PDB file of all heavy atoms in Angstrom:
ATOM      1  N   ALA A   1     103.633 113.591 190.032  1.00  0.00           N
ATOM      2  CA  ALA A   1     103.880 114.725 190.924  1.00  0.00           C
ATOM      3  C   ALA A   1     103.983 116.016 190.120  1.00  0.00           C
ATOM      4  O   ALA A   1     103.472 117.069 190.532  1.00  0.00           O
ATOM      5  CB  ALA A   1     105.157 114.491 191.732  1.00  0.00           C
ATOM      6  N   PHE A   2     104.648 115.952 188.964  1.00  0.00           N
ATOM      7  CA  PHE A   2     104.796 117.129 188.109  1.00  0.00           C
ATOM      8  C   PHE A   2     103.432 117.600 187.606  1.00  0.00           C
ATOM      9  O   PHE A   2     103.138 118.807 187.594  1.00  0.00           O
ATOM     10  CB  PHE A   2     105.707 116.809 186.921  1.00  0.00           C
ATOM     11  CG  PHE A   2     105.824 117.944 185.943  1.00  0.00           C
ATOM     12  CD1 PHE A   2     106.666 119.024 186.198  1.00  0.00           C
ATOM     13  CD2 PHE A   2     105.061 117.953 184.775  1.00  0.00           C
ATOM     14  CE1 PHE A   2     106.754 120.088 185.301  1.00  0.00           C
ATOM     15  CE2 PHE A   2     105.149 119.006 183.876  1.00  0.00           C
ATOM     16  CZ  PHE A   2     105.999 120.075 184.137  1.00  0.00           C
ATOM     17  N   GLU A   3     102.571 116.658 187.202  1.00  0.00           N
ATOM     18  CA  GLU A   3     101.248 117.016 186.680  1.00  0.00           C
ATOM     19  C   GLU A   3     100.362 117.613 187.779  1.00  0.00           C
ATOM     20  O   GLU A   3      99.603 118.560 187.533  1.00  0.00           O
ATOM     21  CB  GLU A   3     100.583 115.783 186.069  1.00  0.00           C
ATOM     22  CG  GLU A   3     101.219 115.339 184.757  1.00  0.00           C
ATOM     23  CD  GLU A   3     100.678 114.014 184.263  1.00  0.00           C
ATOM     24  OE1 GLU A   3     100.268 113.177 185.102  1.00  0.00           O
ATOM     25  OE2 GLU A   3     100.660 113.801 183.040  1.00  0.00           O
ATOM     26  N   LYS A   4     100.455 117.069 188.978  1.00  0.00           N
ATOM     27  CA  LYS A   4      99.687 117.616 190.099  1.00  0.00           C
ATOM     28  C   LYS A   4     100.091 119.066 190.367  1.00  0.00           C
ATOM     29  O   LYS A   4      99.236 119.939 190.574  1.00  0.00           O
ATOM     30  CB  LYS A   4      99.904 116.784 191.359  1.00  0.00           C
ATOM     31  CG  LYS A   4      99.325 115.381 191.287  1.00  0.00           C
ATOM     32  CD  LYS A   4      99.726 114.554 192.503  1.00  0.00           C
ATOM     33  CE  LYS A   4      99.226 113.118 192.392  1.00  0.00           C
ATOM     34  NZ  LYS A   4      99.679 112.269 193.513  1.00  0.00           N
ATOM     35  N   GLU A   5     101.383 119.322 190.363  1.00  0.00           N
ATOM     36  CA  GLU A   5     101.879 120.678 190.597  1.00  0.00           C
ATOM     37  C   GLU A   5     101.423 121.612 189.480  1.00  0.00           C
ATOM     38  O   GLU A   5     101.060 122.765 189.722  1.00  0.00           O
ATOM     39  CB  GLU A   5     103.398 120.666 190.677  1.00  0.00           C
ATOM     40  CG  GLU A   5     103.995 122.032 190.997  1.00  0.00           C
ATOM     41  CD  GLU A   5     105.494 121.986 191.151  1.00  0.00           C
ATOM     42  OE1 GLU A   5     106.068 120.874 191.224  1.00  0.00           O
ATOM     43  OE2 GLU A   5     106.109 123.069 191.199  1.00  0.00           O
ATOM     44  N   GLU A   6     101.416 121.105 188.263  1.00  0.00           N
ATOM     45  CA  GLU A   6     100.982 121.901 187.109  1.00  0.00           C
ATOM     46  C   GLU A   6      99.509 122.311 187.249  1.00  0.00           C
ATOM     47  O   GLU A   6      99.140 123.458 186.986  1.00  0.00           O
ATOM     48  CB  GLU A   6     101.176 121.089 185.825  1.00  0.00           C
ATOM     49  CG  GLU A   6     100.773 121.846 184.560  1.00  0.00           C
ATOM     50  CD  GLU A   6     100.866 120.975 183.310  1.00  0.00           C
ATOM     51  OE1 GLU A   6     101.191 119.777 183.432  1.00  0.00           O
ATOM     52  OE2 GLU A   6     100.597 121.499 182.221  1.00  0.00           O
ATOM     53  N   VAL A   7      98.671 121.369 187.681  1.00  0.00           N
ATOM     54  CA  VAL A   7      97.242 121.655 187.837  1.00  0.00           C
ATOM     55  C   VAL A   7      97.012 122.680 188.955  1.00  0.00           C
ATOM     56  O   VAL A   7      96.250 123.640 188.789  1.00  0.00           O
ATOM     57  CB  VAL A   7      96.457 120.359 188.153  1.00  0.00           C
ATOM     58  CG1 VAL A   7      94.999 120.685 188.480  1.00  0.00           C
ATOM     59  CG2 VAL A   7      96.516 119.409 186.968  1.00  0.00           C
ATOM     60  N   GLU A   8      97.667 122.484 190.100  1.00  0.00           N
ATOM     61  CA  GLU A   8      97.465 123.409 191.215  1.00  0.00           C
ATOM     62  C   GLU A   8      97.980 124.809 190.876  1.00  0.00           C
ATOM     63  O   GLU A   8      97.404 125.813 191.300  1.00  0.00           O
ATOM     64  CB  GLU A   8      98.136 122.858 192.477  1.00  0.00           C
ATOM     65  CG  GLU A   8      97.495 121.569 192.971  1.00  0.00           C
ATOM     66  CD  GLU A   8      97.355 121.507 194.474  1.00  0.00           C
ATOM     67  OE1 GLU A   8      97.229 122.566 195.113  1.00  0.00           O
ATOM     68  OE2 GLU A   8      97.358 120.381 195.019  1.00  0.00           O
ATOM     69  N   THR A   9      99.065 124.896 190.125  1.00  0.00           N
ATOM     70  CA  THR A   9      99.582 126.198 189.684  1.00  0.00           C
ATOM     71  C   THR A   9      98.587 126.875 188.756  1.00  0.00           C
ATOM     72  O   THR A   9      98.354 128.096 188.849  1.00  0.00           O
ATOM     73  CB  THR A   9     100.931 126.025 188.958  1.00  0.00           C
ATOM     74  OG1 THR A   9     101.870 125.424 189.851  1.00  0.00           O
ATOM     75  CG2 THR A   9     101.474 127.367 188.497  1.00  0.00           C
ATOM     76  N   TYR A  10      97.992 126.098 187.878  1.00  0.00           N
ATOM     77  CA  TYR A  10      96.979 126.620 186.946  1.00  0.00           C
ATOM     78  C   TYR A  10      95.779 127.178 187.717  1.00  0.00           C
ATOM     79  O   TYR A  10      95.291 128.282 187.426  1.00  0.00           O
ATOM     80  CB  TYR A  10      96.535 125.489 186.005  1.00  0.00           C
ATOM     81  CG  TYR A  10      95.357 125.837 185.126  1.00  0.00           C
ATOM     82  CD1 TYR A  10      95.530 126.501 183.919  1.00  0.00           C
ATOM     83  CD2 TYR A  10      94.059 125.478 185.502  1.00  0.00           C
ATOM     84  CE1 TYR A  10      94.437 126.817 183.105  1.00  0.00           C
ATOM     85  CE2 TYR A  10      92.970 125.783 184.705  1.00  0.00           C
ATOM     86  CZ  TYR A  10      93.169 126.455 183.508  1.00  0.00           C
ATOM     87  OH  TYR A  10      92.082 126.760 182.713  1.00  0.00           O
ATOM     88  N   VAL A  11      95.309 126.433 188.716  1.00  0.00           N
ATOM     89  CA  VAL A  11      94.157 126.861 189.510  1.00  0.00           C
ATOM     90  C   VAL A  11      94.489 128.126 190.310  1.00  0.00           C
ATOM     91  O   VAL A  11      93.702 129.068 190.359  1.00  0.00           O
ATOM     92  CB  VAL A  11      93.703 125.735 190.469  1.00  0.00           C
ATOM     93  CG1 VAL A  11      92.648 126.251 191.444  1.00  0.00           C
ATOM     94  CG2 VAL A  11      93.153 124.556 189.667  1.00  0.00           C
ATOM     95  N   LEU A  12      95.669 128.154 190.920  1.00  0.00           N
ATOM     96  CA  LEU A  12      96.069 129.323 191.700  1.00  0.00           C
ATOM     97  C   LEU A  12      96.144 130.564 190.820  1.00  0.00           C
ATOM     98  O   LEU A  12      95.768 131.669 191.241  1.00  0.00           O
ATOM     99  CB  LEU A  12      97.420 129.071 192.373  1.00  0.00           C
ATOM    100  CG  LEU A  12      97.922 130.163 193.315  1.00  0.00           C
ATOM    101  CD1 LEU A  12      96.910 130.408 194.444  1.00  0.00           C
ATOM    102  CD2 LEU A  12      99.276 129.797 193.901  1.00  0.00           C
ATOM    103  N   LYS A  13      96.608 130.400 189.592  1.00  0.00           N
ATOM    104  CA  LYS A  13      96.669 131.527 188.659  1.00  0.00           C
ATOM    105  C   LYS A  13      95.267 132.064 188.376  1.00  0.00           C
ATOM    106  O   LYS A  13      95.063 133.285 188.270  1.00  0.00           O
ATOM    107  CB  LYS A  13      97.333 131.069 187.356  1.00  0.00           C
ATOM    108  CG  LYS A  13      97.547 132.198 186.346  1.00  0.00           C
ATOM    109  CD  LYS A  13      98.276 131.687 185.109  1.00  0.00           C
ATOM    110  CE  LYS A  13      98.469 132.818 184.092  1.00  0.00           C
ATOM    111  NZ  LYS A  13      99.176 132.336 182.865  1.00  0.00           N
ATOM    112  N   LYS A  14      94.292 131.176 188.274  1.00  0.00           N
ATOM    113  CA  LYS A  14      92.899 131.594 188.053  1.00  0.00           C
ATOM    114  C   LYS A  14      92.340 132.325 189.278  1.00  0.00           C
ATOM    115  O   LYS A  14      91.501 133.223 189.163  1.00  0.00           O
ATOM    116  CB  LYS A  14      92.031 130.369 187.749  1.00  0.00           C
ATOM    117  CG  LYS A  14      92.315 129.702 186.410  1.00  0.00           C
ATOM    118  CD  LYS A  14      91.767 130.531 185.268  1.00  0.00           C
ATOM    119  CE  LYS A  14      91.904 129.813 183.940  1.00  0.00           C
ATOM    120  NZ  LYS A  14      91.363 130.623 182.817  1.00  0.00           N
ATOM    121  N   LEU A  15      92.805 131.922 190.467  1.00  0.00           N
ATOM    122  CA  LEU A  15      92.311 132.528 191.702  1.00  0.00           C
ATOM    123  C   LEU A  15      92.928 133.890 191.996  1.00  0.00           C
ATOM    124  O   LEU A  15      92.359 134.691 192.743  1.00  0.00           O
ATOM    125  CB  LEU A  15      92.610 131.595 192.892  1.00  0.00           C
ATOM    126  CG  LEU A  15      91.743 130.350 193.040  1.00  0.00           C
ATOM    127  CD1 LEU A  15      92.392 129.391 194.034  1.00  0.00           C
ATOM    128  CD2 LEU A  15      90.341 130.718 193.505  1.00  0.00           C
ATOM    129  N   MET A  16      94.099 134.172 191.440  1.00  0.00           N
ATOM    130  CA  MET A  16      94.860 135.349 191.823  1.00  0.00           C
ATOM    131  C   MET A  16      94.107 136.675 191.687  1.00  0.00           C
ATOM    132  O   MET A  16      94.203 137.532 192.584  1.00  0.00           O
ATOM    133  CB  MET A  16      96.167 135.408 191.039  1.00  0.00           C
ATOM    134  CG  MET A  16      97.221 134.425 191.533  1.00  0.00           C
ATOM    135  SD  MET A  16      97.553 134.524 193.316  1.00  0.00           S
ATOM    136  CE  MET A  16      98.274 136.161 193.431  1.00  0.00           C
ATOM    137  N   PRO A  17      93.336 136.920 190.615  1.00  0.00           N
ATOM    138  CA  PRO A  17      92.612 138.201 190.538  1.00  0.00           C
ATOM    139  C   PRO A  17      91.641 138.393 191.704  1.00  0.00           C
ATOM    140  O   PRO A  17      91.523 139.498 192.247  1.00  0.00           O
ATOM    141  CB  PRO A  17      91.864 138.096 189.199  1.00  0.00           C
ATOM    142  CG  PRO A  17      92.694 137.172 188.374  1.00  0.00           C
ATOM    143  CD  PRO A  17      93.200 136.156 189.353  1.00  0.00           C
ATOM    144  N   GLU A  18      90.950 137.316 192.106  1.00  0.00           N
ATOM    145  CA  GLU A  18      90.016 137.389 193.234  1.00  0.00           C
ATOM    146  C   GLU A  18      90.774 137.611 194.550  1.00  0.00           C
ATOM    147  O   GLU A  18      90.330 138.365 195.417  1.00  0.00           O
ATOM    148  CB  GLU A  18      89.186 136.103 193.322  1.00  0.00           C
ATOM    149  CG  GLU A  18      88.248 135.871 192.158  1.00  0.00           C
ATOM    150  CD  GLU A  18      87.041 136.802 192.198  1.00  0.00           C
ATOM    151  OE1 GLU A  18      86.804 137.443 193.242  1.00  0.00           O
ATOM    152  OE2 GLU A  18      86.343 136.877 191.173  1.00  0.00           O
ATOM    153  N   ILE A  19      91.912 136.936 194.696  1.00  0.00           N
ATOM    154  CA  ILE A  19      92.715 137.094 195.910  1.00  0.00           C
ATOM    155  C   ILE A  19      93.249 138.511 196.020  1.00  0.00           C
ATOM    156  O   ILE A  19      93.218 139.136 197.091  1.00  0.00           O
ATOM    157  CB  ILE A  19      93.880 136.078 195.931  1.00  0.00           C
ATOM    158  CG1 ILE A  19      93.345 134.647 196.000  1.00  0.00           C
ATOM    159  CG2 ILE A  19      94.816 136.353 197.102  1.00  0.00           C
ATOM    160  CD1 ILE A  19      94.412 133.573 195.894  1.00  0.00           C
ATOM    161  N   LYS A  20      93.720 139.057 194.910  1.00  0.00           N
ATOM    162  CA  LYS A  20      94.244 140.422 194.914  1.00  0.00           C
ATOM    163  C   LYS A  20      93.164 141.429 195.289  1.00  0.00           C
ATOM    164  O   LYS A  20      93.410 142.377 196.044  1.00  0.00           O
ATOM    165  CB  LYS A  20      94.818 140.763 193.534  1.00  0.00           C
ATOM    166  CG  LYS A  20      96.137 140.075 193.226  1.00  0.00           C
ATOM    167  CD  LYS A  20      96.650 140.441 191.834  1.00  0.00           C
ATOM    168  CE  LYS A  20      97.974 139.758 191.548  1.00  0.00           C
ATOM    169  NZ  LYS A  20      98.484 140.063 190.180  1.00  0.00           N
ATOM    170  N   ALA A  21      91.953 141.223 194.766  1.00  0.00           N
ATOM    171  CA  ALA A  21      90.841 142.131 195.067  1.00  0.00           C
ATOM    172  C   ALA A  21      90.507 142.097 196.553  1.00  0.00           C
ATOM    173  O   ALA A  21      90.299 143.142 197.186  1.00  0.00           O
ATOM    174  CB  ALA A  21      89.620 141.757 194.230  1.00  0.00           C
ATOM    175  N   ALA A  22      90.457 140.889 197.127  1.00  0.00           N
ATOM    176  CA  ALA A  22      90.146 140.749 198.553  1.00  0.00           C
ATOM    177  C   ALA A  22      91.259 141.335 199.416  1.00  0.00           C
ATOM    178  O   ALA A  22      91.003 141.974 200.437  1.00  0.00           O
ATOM    179  CB  ALA A  22      89.934 139.274 198.901  1.00  0.00           C
ATOM    180  N   SER A  23      92.488 141.129 198.987  1.00  0.00           N
ATOM    181  CA  SER A  23      93.641 141.647 199.724  1.00  0.00           C
ATOM    182  C   SER A  23      93.626 143.169 199.759  1.00  0.00           C
ATOM    183  O   SER A  23      93.840 143.786 200.810  1.00  0.00           O
ATOM    184  CB  SER A  23      94.938 141.151 199.068  1.00  0.00           C
ATOM    185  OG  SER A  23      96.063 141.708 199.707  1.00  0.00           O
ATOM    186  N   LYS A  24      93.351 143.782 198.628  1.00  0.00           N
ATOM    187  CA  LYS A  24      93.311 145.246 198.565  1.00  0.00           C
ATOM    188  C   LYS A  24      92.149 145.801 199.386  1.00  0.00           C
ATOM    189  O   LYS A  24      92.290 146.818 200.078  1.00  0.00           O
ATOM    190  CB  LYS A  24      93.194 145.705 197.102  1.00  0.00           C
ATOM    191  CG  LYS A  24      94.486 145.577 196.307  1.00  0.00           C
ATOM    192  CD  LYS A  24      94.352 146.190 194.932  1.00  0.00           C
ATOM    193  CE  LYS A  24      95.687 146.138 194.196  1.00  0.00           C
ATOM    194  NZ  LYS A  24      96.723 146.960 194.882  1.00  0.00           N
ATOM    195  N   ALA A  25      91.004 145.135 199.323  1.00  0.00           N
ATOM    196  CA  ALA A  25      89.825 145.600 200.066  1.00  0.00           C
ATOM    197  C   ALA A  25      90.092 145.558 201.567  1.00  0.00           C
ATOM    198  O   ALA A  25      89.777 146.516 202.290  1.00  0.00           O
ATOM    199  CB  ALA A  25      88.615 144.735 199.719  1.00  0.00           C
ATOM    200  N   LYS A  26      90.665 144.457 202.045  1.00  0.00           N
ATOM    201  CA  LYS A  26      90.969 144.329 203.470  1.00  0.00           C
ATOM    202  C   LYS A  26      92.034 145.337 203.886  1.00  0.00           C
ATOM    203  O   LYS A  26      91.944 145.949 204.961  1.00  0.00           O
ATOM    204  CB  LYS A  26      91.460 142.912 203.765  1.00  0.00           C
ATOM    205  CG  LYS A  26      91.729 142.631 205.240  1.00  0.00           C
ATOM    206  CD  LYS A  26      90.452 142.626 206.048  1.00  0.00           C
ATOM    207  CE  LYS A  26      90.709 142.202 207.476  1.00  0.00           C
ATOM    208  NZ  LYS A  26      89.477 142.206 208.295  1.00  0.00           N
ATOM    209  N   SER A  27      93.040 145.544 203.035  1.00  0.00           N
ATOM    210  CA  SER A  27      94.124 146.473 203.346  1.00  0.00           C
ATOM    211  C   SER A  27      93.612 147.906 203.439  1.00  0.00           C
ATOM    212  O   SER A  27      94.054 148.674 204.298  1.00  0.00           O
ATOM    213  CB  SER A  27      95.223 146.378 202.277  1.00  0.00           C
ATOM    214  OG  SER A  27      95.792 145.087 202.251  1.00  0.00           O
ATOM    215  N   ARG A  28      92.691 148.253 202.569  1.00  0.00           N
ATOM    216  CA  ARG A  28      92.106 149.601 202.626  1.00  0.00           C
ATOM    217  C   ARG A  28      91.271 149.769 203.883  1.00  0.00           C
ATOM    218  O   ARG A  28      91.266 150.830 204.507  1.00  0.00           O
ATOM    219  CB  ARG A  28      91.240 149.858 201.386  1.00  0.00           C
ATOM    220  CG  ARG A  28      92.016 150.153 200.126  1.00  0.00           C
ATOM    221  CD  ARG A  28      91.128 150.766 199.068  1.00  0.00           C
ATOM    222  NE  ARG A  28      90.031 149.880 198.699  1.00  0.00           N
ATOM    223  CZ  ARG A  28      90.078 149.007 197.693  1.00  0.00           C
ATOM    224  NH1 ARG A  28      91.184 148.910 196.972  1.00  0.00           N
ATOM    225  NH2 ARG A  28      89.052 148.237 197.423  1.00  0.00           N
ATOM    226  N   LYS A  29      90.556 148.711 204.249  1.00  0.00           N
ATOM    227  CA  LYS A  29      89.679 148.776 205.418  1.00  0.00           C
ATOM    228  C   LYS A  29      90.453 149.086 206.693  1.00  0.00           C
ATOM    229  O   LYS A  29      90.012 149.862 207.533  1.00  0.00           O
ATOM    230  CB  LYS A  29      88.946 147.428 205.579  1.00  0.00           C
ATOM    231  CG  LYS A  29      87.442 147.539 205.603  1.00  0.00           C
ATOM    232  CD  LYS A  29      86.813 146.164 205.776  1.00  0.00           C
ATOM    233  CE  LYS A  29      85.300 146.301 205.849  1.00  0.00           C
ATOM    234  NZ  LYS A  29      84.651 144.994 206.099  1.00  0.00           N
ATOM    235  N   VAL A  30      91.610 148.456 206.837  1.00  0.00           N
ATOM    236  CA  VAL A  30      92.406 148.628 208.059  1.00  0.00           C
ATOM    237  C   VAL A  30      93.604 149.544 207.841  1.00  0.00           C
ATOM    238  O   VAL A  30      94.479 149.656 208.707  1.00  0.00           O
ATOM    239  CB  VAL A  30      92.874 147.261 208.607  1.00  0.00           C
ATOM    240  CG1 VAL A  30      91.693 146.423 209.020  1.00  0.00           C
ATOM    241  CG2 VAL A  30      93.719 146.511 207.588  1.00  0.00           C
ATOM    242  N   GLU A  31      93.650 150.173 206.660  1.00  0.00           N
ATOM    243  CA  GLU A  31      94.671 151.170 206.341  1.00  0.00           C
ATOM    244  C   GLU A  31      96.094 150.640 206.507  1.00  0.00           C
ATOM    245  O   GLU A  31      96.931 151.195 207.227  1.00  0.00           O
ATOM    246  CB  GLU A  31      94.474 152.428 207.204  1.00  0.00           C
ATOM    247  CG  GLU A  31      93.134 153.103 206.960  1.00  0.00           C
ATOM    248  CD  GLU A  31      92.971 154.400 207.737  1.00  0.00           C
ATOM    249  OE1 GLU A  31      93.918 154.795 208.453  1.00  0.00           O
ATOM    250  OE2 GLU A  31      91.914 155.027 207.615  1.00  0.00           O
ATOM    251  N   LEU A  32      96.394 149.534 205.818  1.00  0.00           N
ATOM    252  CA  LEU A  32      97.741 148.980 205.844  1.00  0.00           C
ATOM    253  C   LEU A  32      98.649 149.781 204.912  1.00  0.00           C
ATOM    254  O   LEU A  32      98.212 150.254 203.866  1.00  0.00           O
ATOM    255  CB  LEU A  32      97.731 147.515 205.379  1.00  0.00           C
ATOM    256  CG  LEU A  32      97.017 146.496 206.271  1.00  0.00           C
ATOM    257  CD1 LEU A  32      97.133 145.104 205.645  1.00  0.00           C
ATOM    258  CD2 LEU A  32      97.588 146.487 207.675  1.00  0.00           C
ATOM    259  N   SER A  33      99.919 149.903 205.293  1.00  0.00           N
ATOM    260  CA  SER A  33     100.891 150.552 204.421  1.00  0.00           C
ATOM    261  C   SER A  33     101.171 149.631 203.236  1.00  0.00           C
ATOM    262  O   SER A  33     100.780 148.458 203.229  1.00  0.00           O
ATOM    263  CB  SER A  33     102.195 150.801 205.184  1.00  0.00           C
ATOM    264  OG  SER A  33     102.803 149.567 205.544  1.00  0.00           O
ATOM    265  N   TYR A  34     101.887 150.148 202.224  1.00  0.00           N
ATOM    266  CA  TYR A  34     102.178 149.356 201.026  1.00  0.00           C
ATOM    267  C   TYR A  34     102.951 148.092 201.395  1.00  0.00           C
ATOM    268  O   TYR A  34     102.648 146.999 200.902  1.00  0.00           O
ATOM    269  CB  TYR A  34     102.987 150.202 200.039  1.00  0.00           C
ATOM    270  CG  TYR A  34     103.394 149.450 198.799  1.00  0.00           C
ATOM    271  CD1 TYR A  34     102.497 149.250 197.746  1.00  0.00           C
ATOM    272  CD2 TYR A  34     104.685 148.904 198.680  1.00  0.00           C
ATOM    273  CE1 TYR A  34     102.866 148.536 196.613  1.00  0.00           C
ATOM    274  CE2 TYR A  34     105.059 148.191 197.557  1.00  0.00           C
ATOM    275  CZ  TYR A  34     104.143 148.011 196.524  1.00  0.00           C
ATOM    276  OH  TYR A  34     104.513 147.310 195.410  1.00  0.00           O
ATOM    277  N   GLU A  35     103.960 148.251 202.276  1.00  0.00           N
ATOM    278  CA  GLU A  35     104.787 147.104 202.653  1.00  0.00           C
ATOM    279  C   GLU A  35     103.975 146.063 203.429  1.00  0.00           C
ATOM    280  O   GLU A  35     104.096 144.856 203.183  1.00  0.00           O
ATOM    281  CB  GLU A  35     105.971 147.562 203.520  1.00  0.00           C
ATOM    282  CG  GLU A  35     106.997 148.416 202.780  1.00  0.00           C
ATOM    283  CD  GLU A  35     106.544 149.862 202.623  1.00  0.00           C
ATOM    284  OE1 GLU A  35     105.512 150.234 203.244  1.00  0.00           O
ATOM    285  OE2 GLU A  35     107.207 150.618 201.899  1.00  0.00           O
ATOM    286  N   ARG A  36     103.129 146.521 204.352  1.00  0.00           N
ATOM    287  CA  ARG A  36     102.335 145.594 205.154  1.00  0.00           C
ATOM    288  C   ARG A  36     101.259 144.924 204.292  1.00  0.00           C
ATOM    289  O   ARG A  36     100.902 143.770 204.515  1.00  0.00           O
ATOM    290  CB  ARG A  36     101.698 146.321 206.335  1.00  0.00           C
ATOM    291  CG  ARG A  36     102.720 146.858 207.327  1.00  0.00           C
ATOM    292  CD  ARG A  36     102.049 147.645 208.425  1.00  0.00           C
ATOM    293  NE  ARG A  36     101.351 146.765 209.350  1.00  0.00           N
ATOM    294  CZ  ARG A  36     100.214 147.079 209.962  1.00  0.00           C
ATOM    295  NH1 ARG A  36      99.641 148.235 209.729  1.00  0.00           N
ATOM    296  NH2 ARG A  36      99.653 146.240 210.800  1.00  0.00           N
ATOM    297  N   GLU A  37     100.737 145.643 203.320  1.00  0.00           N
ATOM    298  CA  GLU A  37      99.753 145.068 202.407  1.00  0.00           C
ATOM    299  C   GLU A  37     100.370 143.914 201.624  1.00  0.00           C
ATOM    300  O   GLU A  37      99.724 142.873 201.407  1.00  0.00           O
ATOM    301  CB  GLU A  37      99.242 146.130 201.436  1.00  0.00           C
ATOM    302  CG  GLU A  37      98.219 145.585 200.436  1.00  0.00           C
ATOM    303  CD  GLU A  37      97.728 146.636 199.451  1.00  0.00           C
ATOM    304  OE1 GLU A  37      97.916 147.840 199.714  1.00  0.00           O
ATOM    305  OE2 GLU A  37      97.145 146.247 198.424  1.00  0.00           O
ATOM    306  N   ALA A  38     101.627 144.086 201.210  1.00  0.00           N
ATOM    307  CA  ALA A  38     102.306 143.032 200.458  1.00  0.00           C
ATOM    308  C   ALA A  38     102.469 141.772 201.309  1.00  0.00           C
ATOM    309  O   ALA A  38     102.271 140.649 200.824  1.00  0.00           O
ATOM    310  CB  ALA A  38     103.664 143.533 199.974  1.00  0.00           C
ATOM    311  N   LEU A  39     102.827 141.957 202.588  1.00  0.00           N
ATOM    312  CA  LEU A  39     102.980 140.811 203.487  1.00  0.00           C
ATOM    313  C   LEU A  39     101.644 140.113 203.723  1.00  0.00           C
ATOM    314  O   LEU A  39     101.562 138.877 203.730  1.00  0.00           O
ATOM    315  CB  LEU A  39     103.573 141.278 204.822  1.00  0.00           C
ATOM    316  CG  LEU A  39     105.022 141.768 204.788  1.00  0.00           C
ATOM    317  CD1 LEU A  39     105.407 142.362 206.140  1.00  0.00           C
ATOM    318  CD2 LEU A  39     105.964 140.629 204.422  1.00  0.00           C
ATOM    319  N   PHE A  40     100.601 140.914 203.928  1.00  0.00           N
ATOM    320  CA  PHE A  40      99.268 140.329 204.138  1.00  0.00           C
ATOM    321  C   PHE A  40      98.820 139.563 202.899  1.00  0.00           C
ATOM    322  O   PHE A  40      98.235 138.483 203.000  1.00  0.00           O
ATOM    323  CB  PHE A  40      98.264 141.430 204.477  1.00  0.00           C
ATOM    324  CG  PHE A  40      96.833 140.967 204.460  1.00  0.00           C
ATOM    325  CD1 PHE A  40      96.376 140.036 205.373  1.00  0.00           C
ATOM    326  CD2 PHE A  40      95.940 141.435 203.501  1.00  0.00           C
ATOM    327  CE1 PHE A  40      95.064 139.586 205.357  1.00  0.00           C
ATOM    328  CE2 PHE A  40      94.633 140.995 203.476  1.00  0.00           C
ATOM    329  CZ  PHE A  40      94.200 140.072 204.403  1.00  0.00           C
ATOM    330  N   HIS A  41      99.095 140.128 201.723  1.00  0.00           N
ATOM    331  CA  HIS A  41      98.711 139.479 200.475  1.00  0.00           C
ATOM    332  C   HIS A  41      99.346 138.095 200.366  1.00  0.00           C
ATOM    333  O   HIS A  41      98.679 137.123 199.965  1.00  0.00           O
ATOM    334  CB  HIS A  41      99.123 140.343 199.284  1.00  0.00           C
ATOM    335  CG  HIS A  41      98.904 139.689 197.957  1.00  0.00           C
ATOM    336  ND1 HIS A  41      97.651 139.528 197.401  1.00  0.00           N
ATOM    337  CD2 HIS A  41      99.770 139.118 197.075  1.00  0.00           C
ATOM    338  CE1 HIS A  41      97.753 138.901 196.239  1.00  0.00           C
ATOM    339  NE2 HIS A  41      99.028 138.642 196.021  1.00  0.00           N
ATOM    340  N   GLU A  42     100.624 137.995 200.727  1.00  0.00           N
ATOM    341  CA  GLU A  42     101.309 136.698 200.665  1.00  0.00           C
ATOM    342  C   GLU A  42     100.642 135.672 201.579  1.00  0.00           C
ATOM    343  O   GLU A  42     100.472 134.506 201.204  1.00  0.00           O
ATOM    344  CB  GLU A  42     102.778 136.878 201.052  1.00  0.00           C
ATOM    345  CG  GLU A  42     103.597 137.643 200.033  1.00  0.00           C
ATOM    346  CD  GLU A  42     105.025 137.849 200.488  1.00  0.00           C
ATOM    347  OE1 GLU A  42     105.402 137.258 201.527  1.00  0.00           O
ATOM    348  OE2 GLU A  42     105.776 138.578 199.818  1.00  0.00           O
ATOM    349  N   LEU A  43     100.266 136.100 202.787  1.00  0.00           N
ATOM    350  CA  LEU A  43      99.597 135.192 203.715  1.00  0.00           C
ATOM    351  C   LEU A  43      98.240 134.758 203.186  1.00  0.00           C
ATOM    352  O   LEU A  43      97.837 133.602 203.344  1.00  0.00           O
ATOM    353  CB  LEU A  43      99.428 135.864 205.078  1.00  0.00           C
ATOM    354  CG  LEU A  43     100.619 135.796 206.029  1.00  0.00           C
ATOM    355  CD1 LEU A  43     100.305 136.571 207.299  1.00  0.00           C
ATOM    356  CD2 LEU A  43     100.960 134.355 206.380  1.00  0.00           C
ATOM    357  N   LEU A  44      97.520 135.688 202.558  1.00  0.00           N
ATOM    358  CA  LEU A  44      96.196 135.359 202.025  1.00  0.00           C
ATOM    359  C   LEU A  44      96.303 134.353 200.884  1.00  0.00           C
ATOM    360  O   LEU A  44      95.478 133.436 200.779  1.00  0.00           O
ATOM    361  CB  LEU A  44      95.487 136.627 201.547  1.00  0.00           C
ATOM    362  CG  LEU A  44      94.083 136.429 200.970  1.00  0.00           C
ATOM    363  CD1 LEU A  44      93.167 135.733 201.977  1.00  0.00           C
ATOM    364  CD2 LEU A  44      93.482 137.772 200.554  1.00  0.00           C
TER     365      LEU A  44
END
């Protein structure tokens, strides 16, 4: 279980730059405030 969690954490860390880019692009498109952008980012 520990090793599985370690692998998924590693993969998520690799994905984070792409997720952040998509989150910012979507937030700019719909003009989200800083606070709302943070909430949307967490959901994404």
